Protein backbone atom coordinates (compact mmCIF):
# COMPACT_ATOMS: atom_id res chain seq x y z
CA UNK A 1 0.00 0.00 0.00
CA UNK A 2 1.35 3.41 -0.93
CA UNK A 3 1.07 6.21 1.58
CA UNK A 4 0.03 9.62 0.41
CA UNK A 5 2.23 12.34 1.85
CA UNK A 6 2.83 15.97 1.05
CA UNK A 7 6.01 17.19 -0.53
CA UNK A 8 6.33 19.94 2.10
CA UNK A 9 8.60 20.15 5.08
CA UNK A 10 7.35 19.58 8.59
CA UNK A 11 4.48 21.65 9.90
CA UNK A 12 5.46 25.31 9.95
CA UNK A 13 2.86 26.51 12.47
CA UNK A 14 5.52 26.96 15.11
CA UNK A 15 7.93 29.02 13.09
CA UNK A 16 8.91 32.22 14.92
CA UNK A 17 7.56 34.40 12.13
CA UNK A 18 4.12 32.80 12.56
CA UNK A 19 3.75 33.86 16.19
CA UNK A 20 1.78 37.02 17.07
CA UNK A 21 3.83 40.07 17.88
CA UNK A 22 3.73 41.80 21.24
CA UNK A 23 1.66 44.61 19.70
CA UNK A 24 -0.88 42.10 18.39
CA UNK A 25 -1.12 40.40 21.78
CA UNK A 26 -1.62 43.80 23.44
CA UNK A 27 -4.40 44.61 20.98
CA UNK A 28 -6.10 41.31 21.79
CA UNK A 29 -5.85 42.07 25.52
CA UNK A 30 -7.46 45.48 24.98
CA UNK A 31 -10.31 43.93 22.96
CA UNK A 32 -10.84 40.99 25.33
CA UNK A 33 -13.89 42.50 27.12
CA UNK A 34 -15.61 42.94 23.75
CA UNK A 35 -14.67 39.40 22.72
CA UNK A 36 -16.07 37.97 25.97
CA UNK A 37 -19.29 39.97 25.58
CA UNK A 38 -19.68 38.73 22.00
CA UNK A 39 -19.19 35.15 23.20
CA UNK A 40 -21.80 35.62 25.93
CA UNK A 41 -24.34 36.94 23.41
CA UNK A 42 -23.56 34.10 21.02
CA UNK A 43 -24.01 31.55 23.83
CA UNK A 44 -27.39 33.06 24.72
CA UNK A 45 -28.48 32.94 21.09
CA UNK A 46 -27.30 29.35 20.63
CA UNK A 47 -29.36 28.23 23.62
CA UNK A 48 -32.59 29.28 21.90
CA UNK A 49 -31.65 28.26 18.37
CA UNK A 50 -33.88 25.17 18.38
CA UNK A 51 -36.69 26.25 20.66
CA UNK A 52 -39.01 29.15 21.34
CA UNK A 53 -37.31 31.49 23.80
CA UNK A 54 -38.96 31.75 27.20
CA UNK A 55 -38.93 34.97 29.22
CA UNK A 56 -35.68 33.99 30.95
CA UNK A 57 -34.02 33.39 27.58
CA UNK A 58 -35.22 36.77 26.30
CA UNK A 59 -33.79 38.49 29.39
CA UNK A 60 -30.49 36.65 29.01
CA UNK A 61 -30.19 37.82 25.39
CA UNK A 62 -31.13 41.41 26.27
CA UNK A 63 -28.55 41.50 29.06
CA UNK A 64 -25.89 40.05 26.78
CA UNK A 65 -26.68 42.68 24.12
CA UNK A 66 -26.42 45.46 26.72
CA UNK A 67 -23.10 44.09 27.96
CA UNK A 68 -21.81 43.94 24.39
CA UNK A 69 -22.87 47.51 23.69
CA UNK A 70 -21.26 48.66 26.95
CA UNK A 71 -18.05 46.79 26.10
CA UNK A 72 -17.97 48.37 22.63
CA UNK A 73 -18.59 51.80 24.15
CA UNK A 74 -15.85 51.36 26.73
CA UNK A 75 -13.44 50.06 24.10
CA UNK A 76 -14.11 52.96 21.75
CA UNK A 77 -13.91 55.52 24.56
CA UNK A 78 -10.63 54.02 25.69
CA UNK A 79 -9.27 54.13 22.15
CA UNK A 80 -10.25 57.77 21.72
CA UNK A 81 -8.79 58.65 25.14
CA UNK A 82 -5.49 57.08 24.12
CA UNK A 83 -5.55 59.03 20.86
CA UNK A 84 -6.09 62.24 22.79
CA UNK A 85 -9.61 62.85 21.49
CA UNK A 86 -12.81 63.41 23.43
CA UNK A 87 -15.53 60.79 23.39
């Protein structure tokens, strides 16, 4: 039996040039509250994807949307504060 293999070298995912830079990691850290809020909203929406939402589900989604909007607002205000502008 012949094995099918690629003609490439070993996996290059761990090459130093493939790693995120410190600036990229800092940007991810700054955006992490928004990312978490988006995940929370997505989780709330996934829960009701195959059923009719009850009142508790509707409240959970509303709260998650408000948290996401607040996280976006805080992120944008922080970005404009760092740039020296007024929000």
